[in-house]
Every structure is written in structure tokens, then in C-alpha cells.
Amino acid sequence: MKKASAPRRHLPTSPFKAPVAPAAKTFAPGDRVTHDRYGLGTIVSAEDGVAMLVDFGSRRVRVTAPYDHMEKL
């Protein structure tokens, strides 16, 4: 089975609605977050949409964008 190399584009003549792109996740220093691998943490600093430094209690981890495994509480 092959994976598609690029997402399909929406044709203007299609009877179906165009897919909606998910909104980008935004975090600010001080936000409480949960991460699938590291657990509960607090955002310490942000690098303008590139990465976040998160304090998980026992260690600080630099989590890079797109933050798929991290959710704001």
C-alpha cells in the first residue's frame, strides 16, 4: 500500500466542500499543558512558532512545532 506524497487538492467544480485546515496551536509562557510522552508541564519560554521549552517537573524539554502530542489544559 502506498502513501500519497501530497494532499489532494480541491477542485472548484467539486460538489463537496473544501477540507478545512486545522488551526495552529498557540501557547504562551505560563500555560499548563499535557504531553503524551512527558505528562503534565508548564510552558517556560516560546520561540515564535518553532519550539517551546516546557518544564515537566523532573526535567525541561524543548518541544518543536507542530506540537501534535501536546494539548493546553
Protein backbone atom coordinates (compact mmCIF):
# COMPACT_ATOMS: atom_id res chain seq x y z
CA MET A 1 0.00 0.00 0.00
CA LYS A 2 1.39 3.40 -0.99
CA LYS A 3 1.07 6.65 0.90
CA ALA A 4 0.10 9.75 -1.03
CA SER A 5 3.08 12.07 -1.41
CA ALA A 6 0.95 15.22 -1.33
CA PRO A 7 -2.55 16.00 -0.12
CA ARG A 8 -5.25 16.07 -2.75
CA ARG A 9 -6.23 19.48 -3.98
CA HIS A 10 -9.82 20.69 -4.02
CA LEU A 11 -11.29 21.31 -7.46
CA PRO A 12 -13.63 24.30 -7.85
CA THR A 13 -16.15 22.12 -9.70
CA SER A 14 -16.34 19.56 -6.88
CA PRO A 15 -19.77 19.15 -5.21
CA PHE A 16 -18.01 18.59 -1.86
CA LYS A 17 -16.81 21.30 0.49
CA ALA A 18 -13.10 22.05 0.63
CA PRO A 19 -11.32 20.49 3.63
CA VAL A 20 -10.68 22.92 6.45
CA ALA A 21 -7.09 23.19 7.65
CA PRO A 22 -6.77 22.69 11.43
CA ALA A 23 -5.98 25.82 13.41
CA ALA A 24 -2.40 26.20 14.56
CA LYS A 25 -1.86 25.53 18.26
CA THR A 26 -0.75 28.56 20.23
CA PHE A 27 0.88 28.50 23.64
CA ALA A 28 2.21 31.24 25.91
CA PRO A 29 4.69 31.14 28.81
CA GLY A 30 2.87 30.06 31.96
CA ASP A 31 0.30 27.86 30.18
CA ARG A 32 -0.29 24.43 31.71
CA VAL A 33 -0.04 21.64 29.13
CA THR A 34 -0.17 17.88 28.87
CA HIS A 35 2.14 15.89 26.62
CA ASP A 36 1.52 12.29 25.51
CA ARG A 37 5.06 11.22 26.45
CA TYR A 38 6.15 13.52 29.30
CA GLY A 39 2.87 14.22 31.14
CA LEU A 40 1.85 17.50 32.80
CA GLY A 41 4.02 20.58 32.41
CA THR A 42 4.24 24.36 32.25
CA ILE A 43 5.47 26.43 29.29
CA VAL A 44 8.66 28.25 30.32
CA SER A 45 9.51 30.05 27.08
CA ALA A 46 8.47 30.20 23.43
CA GLU A 47 10.49 30.51 20.20
CA ASP A 48 7.98 32.18 17.81
CA GLY A 49 6.19 29.10 16.46
CA VAL A 50 9.37 27.00 16.24
CA ALA A 51 9.61 25.37 19.68
CA MET A 52 8.55 25.61 23.32
CA LEU A 53 10.62 24.99 26.43
CA VAL A 54 8.38 23.04 28.82
CA ASP A 55 9.07 22.26 32.49
CA PHE A 56 7.74 18.79 33.33
CA GLY A 57 8.93 18.85 36.94
CA SER A 58 11.73 16.33 36.72
CA ARG A 59 13.18 17.85 33.52
CA ARG A 60 12.83 20.62 30.95
CA VAL A 61 12.14 19.56 27.38
CA ARG A 62 12.27 21.56 24.13
CA VAL A 63 9.15 20.55 22.18
CA THR A 64 9.22 21.50 18.50
CA ALA A 65 6.31 22.56 16.28
CA PRO A 66 3.68 21.38 15.20
CA TYR A 67 3.06 20.24 18.83
CA ASP A 68 0.99 17.19 17.76
CA HIS A 69 1.38 15.41 21.11
CA MET A 70 0.79 18.47 23.33
CA GLU A 71 -2.53 19.96 24.44
CA LYS A 72 -3.34 23.05 26.51
CA LEU A 73 -5.23 22.42 29.76
